[in-house]
Amino acid sequence: MATISLCMIVKNEEAVLSRCLESVKELVDEIIIVDTGSTDETKEIARETAFMILNGLMISPQPVIMHLAKLRWTISSGSMPMMLF
């Protein structure tokens, strides 16, 4: 059986995060969440389920570069051979 990391970049997702994580927790071997500055209960919800929670708050004048940097950082945090985004 393949081992899979679920990697998510989130911000202010308290309304849907719990349902999302519940739906995949039996399918993946680890859950890595990069929070990009949530001001709601996202971090607390993630702590209940996630294997690793990273503070991904980055500042860049160019949103595309910032997004790619967060994505690269998230990918490098996974330890399983397969990743689900």
PDB file of N, CA and C in Angstrom:
ATOM      1  N   MET A   1       0.841  -1.185   0.000  1.00  0.00           N
ATOM      2  CA  MET A   1       0.000   0.000   0.000  1.00  0.00           C
ATOM      3  C   MET A   1       0.882   1.242   0.000  1.00  0.00           C
ATOM      4  N   ALA A   2       0.525   2.201  -0.825  1.00  0.00           N
ATOM      5  CA  ALA A   2       1.286   3.442  -0.903  1.00  0.00           C
ATOM      6  C   ALA A   2       1.087   4.271   0.354  1.00  0.00           C
ATOM      7  N   THR A   3       2.129   4.984   0.707  1.00  0.00           N
ATOM      8  CA  THR A   3       2.008   5.917   1.826  1.00  0.00           C
ATOM      9  C   THR A   3       1.832   7.317   1.254  1.00  0.00           C
ATOM     10  N   ILE A   4       0.912   8.070   1.832  1.00  0.00           N
ATOM     11  CA  ILE A   4       0.519   9.355   1.258  1.00  0.00           C
ATOM     12  C   ILE A   4       0.540  10.440   2.318  1.00  0.00           C
ATOM     13  N   SER A   5       1.105  11.602   1.954  1.00  0.00           N
ATOM     14  CA  SER A   5       1.041  12.806   2.776  1.00  0.00           C
ATOM     15  C   SER A   5      -0.035  13.718   2.200  1.00  0.00           C
ATOM     16  N   LEU A   6      -0.885  14.253   3.050  1.00  0.00           N
ATOM     17  CA  LEU A   6      -1.816  15.298   2.638  1.00  0.00           C
ATOM     18  C   LEU A   6      -1.186  16.617   3.039  1.00  0.00           C
ATOM     19  N   CYS A   7      -0.971  17.487   2.070  1.00  0.00           N
ATOM     20  CA  CYS A   7      -0.361  18.793   2.328  1.00  0.00           C
ATOM     21  C   CYS A   7      -1.363  19.875   1.956  1.00  0.00           C
ATOM     22  N   MET A   8      -1.635  20.760   2.896  1.00  0.00           N
ATOM     23  CA  MET A   8      -2.620  21.829   2.651  1.00  0.00           C
ATOM     24  C   MET A   8      -2.045  23.174   3.054  1.00  0.00           C
ATOM     25  N   ILE A   9      -2.294  24.190   2.241  1.00  0.00           N
ATOM     26  CA  ILE A   9      -1.993  25.576   2.577  1.00  0.00           C
ATOM     27  C   ILE A   9      -3.337  26.229   2.862  1.00  0.00           C
ATOM     28  N   VAL A  10      -3.512  26.750   4.082  1.00  0.00           N
ATOM     29  CA  VAL A  10      -4.822  27.258   4.485  1.00  0.00           C
ATOM     30  C   VAL A  10      -4.729  28.639   5.120  1.00  0.00           C
ATOM     31  N   LYS A  11      -5.845  29.328   5.088  1.00  0.00           N
ATOM     32  CA  LYS A  11      -6.007  30.596   5.804  1.00  0.00           C
ATOM     33  C   LYS A  11      -7.503  30.807   6.042  1.00  0.00           C
ATOM     34  N   ASN A  12      -7.858  30.940   7.317  1.00  0.00           N
ATOM     35  CA  ASN A  12      -9.246  31.203   7.716  1.00  0.00           C
ATOM     36  C   ASN A  12     -10.233  30.200   7.107  1.00  0.00           C
ATOM     37  N   GLU A  13      -9.982  28.930   7.354  1.00  0.00           N
ATOM     38  CA  GLU A  13     -10.815  27.855   6.807  1.00  0.00           C
ATOM     39  C   GLU A  13     -11.603  27.115   7.884  1.00  0.00           C
ATOM     40  N   GLU A  14     -11.912  27.780   9.000  1.00  0.00           N
ATOM     41  CA  GLU A  14     -12.594  27.087  10.095  1.00  0.00           C
ATOM     42  C   GLU A  14     -13.941  26.498   9.687  1.00  0.00           C
ATOM     43  N   ALA A  15     -14.592  27.080   8.720  1.00  0.00           N
ATOM     44  CA  ALA A  15     -15.916  26.603   8.311  1.00  0.00           C
ATOM     45  C   ALA A  15     -15.870  25.240   7.627  1.00  0.00           C
ATOM     46  N   VAL A  16     -14.750  24.903   6.989  1.00  0.00           N
ATOM     47  CA  VAL A  16     -14.694  23.664   6.208  1.00  0.00           C
ATOM     48  C   VAL A  16     -13.555  22.720   6.579  1.00  0.00           C
ATOM     49  N   LEU A  17     -12.580  23.188   7.343  1.00  0.00           N
ATOM     50  CA  LEU A  17     -11.376  22.393   7.593  1.00  0.00           C
ATOM     51  C   LEU A  17     -11.658  21.084   8.314  1.00  0.00           C
ATOM     52  N   SER A  18     -12.457  21.110   9.339  1.00  0.00           N
ATOM     53  CA  SER A  18     -12.750  19.900  10.103  1.00  0.00           C
ATOM     54  C   SER A  18     -13.381  18.827   9.214  1.00  0.00           C
ATOM     55  N   ARG A  19     -14.358  19.209   8.431  1.00  0.00           N
ATOM     56  CA  ARG A  19     -15.029  18.268   7.522  1.00  0.00           C
ATOM     57  C   ARG A  19     -14.047  17.732   6.474  1.00  0.00           C
ATOM     58  N   CYS A  20     -13.200  18.590   5.967  1.00  0.00           N
ATOM     59  CA  CYS A  20     -12.211  18.188   4.976  1.00  0.00           C
ATOM     60  C   CYS A  20     -11.242  17.155   5.558  1.00  0.00           C
ATOM     61  N   LEU A  21     -10.697  17.438   6.736  1.00  0.00           N
ATOM     62  CA  LEU A  21      -9.733  16.529   7.362  1.00  0.00           C
ATOM     63  C   LEU A  21     -10.374  15.205   7.749  1.00  0.00           C
ATOM     64  N   GLU A  22     -11.600  15.261   8.244  1.00  0.00           N
ATOM     65  CA  GLU A  22     -12.323  14.024   8.598  1.00  0.00           C
ATOM     66  C   GLU A  22     -12.508  13.126   7.373  1.00  0.00           C
ATOM     67  N   SER A  23     -12.744  13.741   6.222  1.00  0.00           N
ATOM     68  CA  SER A  23     -13.024  12.956   5.019  1.00  0.00           C
ATOM     69  C   SER A  23     -11.797  12.233   4.472  1.00  0.00           C
ATOM     70  N   VAL A  24     -10.604  12.654   4.854  1.00  0.00           N
ATOM     71  CA  VAL A  24      -9.393  12.028   4.305  1.00  0.00           C
ATOM     72  C   VAL A  24      -8.498  11.369   5.345  1.00  0.00           C
ATOM     73  N   LYS A  25      -8.782  11.525   6.617  1.00  0.00           N
ATOM     74  CA  LYS A  25      -7.838  11.055   7.639  1.00  0.00           C
ATOM     75  C   LYS A  25      -7.578   9.556   7.594  1.00  0.00           C
ATOM     76  N   GLU A  26      -8.512   8.763   7.109  1.00  0.00           N
ATOM     77  CA  GLU A  26      -8.301   7.325   6.999  1.00  0.00           C
ATOM     78  C   GLU A  26      -7.574   6.947   5.706  1.00  0.00           C
ATOM     79  N   LEU A  27      -7.400   7.897   4.806  1.00  0.00           N
ATOM     80  CA  LEU A  27      -6.789   7.632   3.508  1.00  0.00           C
ATOM     81  C   LEU A  27      -5.323   8.028   3.425  1.00  0.00           C
ATOM     82  N   VAL A  28      -4.862   8.862   4.360  1.00  0.00           N
ATOM     83  CA  VAL A  28      -3.493   9.368   4.301  1.00  0.00           C
ATOM     84  C   VAL A  28      -2.720   8.952   5.548  1.00  0.00           C
ATOM     85  N   ASP A  29      -1.397   8.970   5.431  1.00  0.00           N
ATOM     86  CA  ASP A  29      -0.540   8.561   6.539  1.00  0.00           C
ATOM     87  C   ASP A  29      -0.062   9.741   7.381  1.00  0.00           C
ATOM     88  N   GLU A  30      -0.062  10.926   6.807  1.00  0.00           N
ATOM     89  CA  GLU A  30       0.272  12.122   7.572  1.00  0.00           C
ATOM     90  C   GLU A  30      -0.456  13.313   6.976  1.00  0.00           C
ATOM     91  N   ILE A  31      -0.716  14.285   7.813  1.00  0.00           N
ATOM     92  CA  ILE A  31      -1.381  15.515   7.383  1.00  0.00           C
ATOM     93  C   ILE A  31      -0.480  16.674   7.775  1.00  0.00           C
ATOM     94  N   ILE A  32      -0.114  17.475   6.784  1.00  0.00           N
ATOM     95  CA  ILE A  32       0.729  18.645   7.018  1.00  0.00           C
ATOM     96  C   ILE A  32      -0.072  19.866   6.594  1.00  0.00           C
ATOM     97  N   ILE A  33      -0.233  20.787   7.522  1.00  0.00           N
ATOM     98  CA  ILE A  33      -0.986  21.999   7.239  1.00  0.00           C
ATOM     99  C   ILE A  33      -0.068  23.203   7.405  1.00  0.00           C
ATOM    100  N   VAL A  34      -0.012  24.018   6.367  1.00  0.00           N
ATOM    101  CA  VAL A  34       0.717  25.281   6.432  1.00  0.00           C
ATOM    102  C   VAL A  34      -0.323  26.375   6.560  1.00  0.00           C
ATOM    103  N   ASP A  35      -0.344  27.018   7.709  1.00  0.00           N
ATOM    104  CA  ASP A  35      -1.292  28.106   7.950  1.00  0.00           C
ATOM    105  C   ASP A  35      -0.624  29.420   7.577  1.00  0.00           C
ATOM    106  N   THR A  36      -1.315  30.222   6.790  1.00  0.00           N
ATOM    107  CA  THR A  36      -0.721  31.465   6.300  1.00  0.00           C
ATOM    108  C   THR A  36      -1.277  32.701   6.994  1.00  0.00           C
ATOM    109  N   GLY A  37      -1.541  32.561   8.283  1.00  0.00           N
ATOM    110  CA  GLY A  37      -1.955  33.733   9.053  1.00  0.00           C
ATOM    111  C   GLY A  37      -3.425  33.779   9.395  1.00  0.00           C
ATOM    112  N   SER A  38      -4.015  32.659   9.686  1.00  0.00           N
ATOM    113  CA  SER A  38      -5.443  32.623  10.033  1.00  0.00           C
ATOM    114  C   SER A  38      -5.730  33.466  11.268  1.00  0.00           C
ATOM    115  N   THR A  39      -6.889  34.120  11.232  1.00  0.00           N
ATOM    116  CA  THR A  39      -7.330  34.907  12.387  1.00  0.00           C
ATOM    117  C   THR A  39      -8.566  34.288  13.027  1.00  0.00           C
ATOM    118  N   ASP A  40      -8.984  33.140  12.523  1.00  0.00           N
ATOM    119  CA  ASP A  40     -10.129  32.426  13.086  1.00  0.00           C
ATOM    120  C   ASP A  40      -9.624  31.190  13.842  1.00  0.00           C
ATOM    121  N   GLU A  41     -10.403  30.157  13.961  1.00  0.00           N
ATOM    122  CA  GLU A  41     -10.034  28.960  14.721  1.00  0.00           C
ATOM    123  C   GLU A  41      -9.355  27.874  13.875  1.00  0.00           C
ATOM    124  N   THR A  42      -8.890  28.235  12.694  1.00  0.00           N
ATOM    125  CA  THR A  42      -8.276  27.261  11.788  1.00  0.00           C
ATOM    126  C   THR A  42      -7.136  26.495  12.449  1.00  0.00           C
ATOM    127  N   LYS A  43      -6.219  27.193  13.102  1.00  0.00           N
ATOM    128  CA  LYS A  43      -5.061  26.524  13.716  1.00  0.00           C
ATOM    129  C   LYS A  43      -5.492  25.530  14.788  1.00  0.00           C
ATOM    130  N   GLU A  44      -6.468  25.889  15.579  1.00  0.00           N
ATOM    131  CA  GLU A  44      -6.940  25.004  16.640  1.00  0.00           C
ATOM    132  C   GLU A  44      -7.584  23.742  16.057  1.00  0.00           C
ATOM    133  N   ILE A  45      -8.369  23.914  15.006  1.00  0.00           N
ATOM    134  CA  ILE A  45      -9.002  22.771  14.348  1.00  0.00           C
ATOM    135  C   ILE A  45      -7.923  21.871  13.751  1.00  0.00           C
ATOM    136  N   ALA A  46      -6.933  22.459  13.130  1.00  0.00           N
ATOM    137  CA  ALA A  46      -5.855  21.684  12.519  1.00  0.00           C
ATOM    138  C   ALA A  46      -5.074  20.903  13.569  1.00  0.00           C
ATOM    139  N   ARG A  47      -4.825  21.482  14.706  1.00  0.00           N
ATOM    140  CA  ARG A  47      -4.064  20.811  15.765  1.00  0.00           C
ATOM    141  C   ARG A  47      -4.731  19.518  16.233  1.00  0.00           C
ATOM    142  N   GLU A  48      -6.033  19.449  16.139  1.00  0.00           N
ATOM    143  CA  GLU A  48      -6.763  18.257  16.570  1.00  0.00           C
ATOM    144  C   GLU A  48      -6.513  17.059  15.663  1.00  0.00           C
ATOM    145  N   THR A  49      -6.161  17.287  14.413  1.00  0.00           N
ATOM    146  CA  THR A  49      -6.058  16.208  13.436  1.00  0.00           C
ATOM    147  C   THR A  49      -4.688  16.111  12.775  1.00  0.00           C
ATOM    148  N   ALA A  50      -4.051  17.212  12.525  1.00  0.00           N
ATOM    149  CA  ALA A  50      -2.851  17.232  11.684  1.00  0.00           C
ATOM    150  C   ALA A  50      -1.627  16.649  12.379  1.00  0.00           C
ATOM    151  N   PHE A  51      -0.765  16.077  11.576  1.00  0.00           N
ATOM    152  CA  PHE A  51       0.508  15.548  12.015  1.00  0.00           C
ATOM    153  C   PHE A  51       1.483  16.696  12.268  1.00  0.00           C
ATOM    154  N   MET A  52       1.434  17.705  11.414  1.00  0.00           N
ATOM    155  CA  MET A  52       2.366  18.817  11.511  1.00  0.00           C
ATOM    156  C   MET A  52       1.654  20.097  11.079  1.00  0.00           C
ATOM    157  N   ILE A  53       1.820  21.153  11.861  1.00  0.00           N
ATOM    158  CA  ILE A  53       1.260  22.451  11.509  1.00  0.00           C
ATOM    159  C   ILE A  53       2.413  23.433  11.437  1.00  0.00           C
ATOM    160  N   LEU A  54       2.534  24.094  10.306  1.00  0.00           N
ATOM    161  CA  LEU A  54       3.624  25.032  10.104  1.00  0.00           C
ATOM    162  C   LEU A  54       3.062  26.430   9.926  1.00  0.00           C
ATOM    163  N   ASN A  55       3.788  27.410  10.433  1.00  0.00           N
ATOM    164  CA  ASN A  55       3.397  28.796  10.239  1.00  0.00           C
ATOM    165  C   ASN A  55       3.989  29.250   8.918  1.00  0.00           C
ATOM    166  N   GLY A  56       3.143  29.411   7.924  1.00  0.00           N
ATOM    167  CA  GLY A  56       3.620  29.737   6.582  1.00  0.00           C
ATOM    168  C   GLY A  56       3.437  31.186   6.215  1.00  0.00           C
ATOM    169  N   LEU A  57       3.428  32.071   7.194  1.00  0.00           N
ATOM    170  CA  LEU A  57       3.225  33.480   6.897  1.00  0.00           C
ATOM    171  C   LEU A  57       4.461  34.023   6.197  1.00  0.00           C
ATOM    172  N   MET A  58       4.315  34.373   4.941  1.00  0.00           N
ATOM    173  CA  MET A  58       5.417  34.923   4.152  1.00  0.00           C
ATOM    174  C   MET A  58       4.927  36.209   3.509  1.00  0.00           C
ATOM    175  N   ILE A  59       5.840  37.126   3.325  1.00  0.00           N
ATOM    176  CA  ILE A  59       5.475  38.413   2.721  1.00  0.00           C
ATOM    177  C   ILE A  59       6.288  38.603   1.450  1.00  0.00           C
ATOM    178  N   SER A  60       5.590  38.905   0.364  1.00  0.00           N
ATOM    179  CA  SER A  60       6.243  39.142  -0.913  1.00  0.00           C
ATOM    180  C   SER A  60       5.405  40.144  -1.692  1.00  0.00           C
ATOM    181  N   PRO A  61       6.048  41.059  -2.401  1.00  0.00           N
ATOM    182  CA  PRO A  61       5.273  42.014  -3.205  1.00  0.00           C
ATOM    183  C   PRO A  61       4.586  41.366  -4.396  1.00  0.00           C
ATOM    184  N   GLN A  62       5.017  40.153  -4.763  1.00  0.00           N
ATOM    185  CA  GLN A  62       4.431  39.473  -5.906  1.00  0.00           C
ATOM    186  C   GLN A  62       3.721  38.204  -5.439  1.00  0.00           C
ATOM    187  N   PRO A  63       2.373  38.207  -5.457  1.00  0.00           N
ATOM    188  CA  PRO A  63       1.606  37.068  -4.949  1.00  0.00           C
ATOM    189  C   PRO A  63       1.969  35.725  -5.578  1.00  0.00           C
ATOM    190  N   VAL A  64       2.290  35.677  -6.855  1.00  0.00           N
ATOM    191  CA  VAL A  64       2.607  34.410  -7.503  1.00  0.00           C
ATOM    192  C   VAL A  64       3.888  33.822  -6.920  1.00  0.00           C
ATOM    193  N   ILE A  65       4.891  34.659  -6.720  1.00  0.00           N
ATOM    194  CA  ILE A  65       6.152  34.195  -6.138  1.00  0.00           C
ATOM    195  C   ILE A  65       5.919  33.706  -4.715  1.00  0.00           C
ATOM    196  N   MET A  66       5.111  34.427  -3.957  1.00  0.00           N
ATOM    197  CA  MET A  66       4.814  34.028  -2.590  1.00  0.00           C
ATOM    198  C   MET A  66       4.099  32.674  -2.569  1.00  0.00           C
ATOM    199  N   HIS A  67       3.130  32.494  -3.446  1.00  0.00           N
ATOM    200  CA  HIS A  67       2.395  31.232  -3.492  1.00  0.00           C
ATOM    201  C   HIS A  67       3.323  30.070  -3.851  1.00  0.00           C
ATOM    202  N   LEU A  68       4.188  30.260  -4.827  1.00  0.00           N
ATOM    203  CA  LEU A  68       5.117  29.204  -5.222  1.00  0.00           C
ATOM    204  C   LEU A  68       6.089  28.865  -4.096  1.00  0.00           C
ATOM    205  N   ALA A  69       6.522  29.874  -3.343  1.00  0.00           N
ATOM    206  CA  ALA A  69       7.425  29.627  -2.213  1.00  0.00           C
ATOM    207  C   ALA A  69       6.717  28.805  -1.137  1.00  0.00           C
ATOM    208  N   LYS A  70       5.462  29.114  -0.849  1.00  0.00           N
ATOM    209  CA  LYS A  70       4.693  28.349   0.135  1.00  0.00           C
ATOM    210  C   LYS A  70       4.481  26.919  -0.336  1.00  0.00           C
ATOM    211  N   LEU A  71       4.183  26.760  -1.618  1.00  0.00           N
ATOM    212  CA  LEU A  71       3.965  25.426  -2.170  1.00  0.00           C
ATOM    213  C   LEU A  71       5.243  24.593  -2.080  1.00  0.00           C
ATOM    214  N   ARG A  72       6.357  25.173  -2.433  1.00  0.00           N
ATOM    215  CA  ARG A  72       7.640  24.453  -2.359  1.00  0.00           C
ATOM    216  C   ARG A  72       7.957  24.057  -0.918  1.00  0.00           C
ATOM    217  N   TRP A  73       7.728  24.961   0.010  1.00  0.00           N
ATOM    218  CA  TRP A  73       7.993  24.695   1.425  1.00  0.00           C
ATOM    219  C   TRP A  73       7.091  23.576   1.934  1.00  0.00           C
ATOM    220  N   THR A  74       5.829  23.608   1.523  1.00  0.00           N
ATOM    221  CA  THR A  74       4.877  22.581   1.927  1.00  0.00           C
ATOM    222  C   THR A  74       5.305  21.218   1.395  1.00  0.00           C
ATOM    223  N   ILE A  75       5.680  21.156   0.130  1.00  0.00           N
ATOM    224  CA  ILE A  75       6.116  19.896  -0.468  1.00  0.00           C
ATOM    225  C   ILE A  75       7.331  19.343   0.263  1.00  0.00           C
ATOM    226  N   SER A  76       8.265  20.207   0.618  1.00  0.00           N
ATOM    227  CA  SER A  76       9.481  19.733   1.276  1.00  0.00           C
ATOM    228  C   SER A  76       9.202  19.209   2.689  1.00  0.00           C
ATOM    229  N   SER A  77       8.043  19.533   3.257  1.00  0.00           N
ATOM    230  CA  SER A  77       7.698  19.085   4.603  1.00  0.00           C
ATOM    231  C   SER A  77       7.136  17.669   4.631  1.00  0.00           C
ATOM    232  N   GLY A  78       6.640  17.180   3.533  1.00  0.00           N
ATOM    233  CA  GLY A  78       6.068  15.835   3.464  1.00  0.00           C
ATOM    234  C   GLY A  78       7.146  14.769   3.513  1.00  0.00           C
ATOM    235  N   SER A  79       6.854  13.666   4.173  1.00  0.00           N
ATOM    236  CA  SER A  79       7.859  12.595   4.284  1.00  0.00           C
ATOM    237  C   SER A  79       7.437  11.310   3.594  1.00  0.00           C
ATOM    238  N   MET A  80       6.264  11.268   3.016  1.00  0.00           N
ATOM    239  CA  MET A  80       5.775  10.066   2.355  1.00  0.00           C
ATOM    240  C   MET A  80       6.098  10.124   0.864  1.00  0.00           C
ATOM    241  N   PRO A  81       6.176   8.974   0.192  1.00  0.00           N
ATOM    242  CA  PRO A  81       6.514   8.958  -1.237  1.00  0.00           C
ATOM    243  C   PRO A  81       5.468   9.615  -2.131  1.00  0.00           C
ATOM    244  N   MET A  82       4.219   9.638  -1.698  1.00  0.00           N
ATOM    245  CA  MET A  82       3.152  10.254  -2.498  1.00  0.00           C
ATOM    246  C   MET A  82       2.514  11.369  -1.692  1.00  0.00           C
ATOM    247  N   MET A  83       2.101  12.439  -2.398  1.00  0.00           N
ATOM    248  CA  MET A  83       1.476  13.585  -1.732  1.00  0.00           C
ATOM    249  C   MET A  83       0.160  13.931  -2.384  1.00  0.00           C
ATOM    250  N   LEU A  84      -0.786  14.343  -1.548  1.00  0.00           N
ATOM    251  CA  LEU A  84      -2.106  14.758  -1.983  1.00  0.00           C
ATOM    252  C   LEU A  84      -2.257  16.233  -1.619  1.00  0.00           C
ATOM    253  N   PHE A  85      -2.626  17.062  -2.578  1.00  0.00           N
ATOM    254  CA  PHE A  85      -2.809  18.494  -2.319  1.00  0.00           C
ATOM    255  C   PHE A  85      -4.251  18.865  -2.466  1.00  0.00           C
TER     256      PHE A  85
END
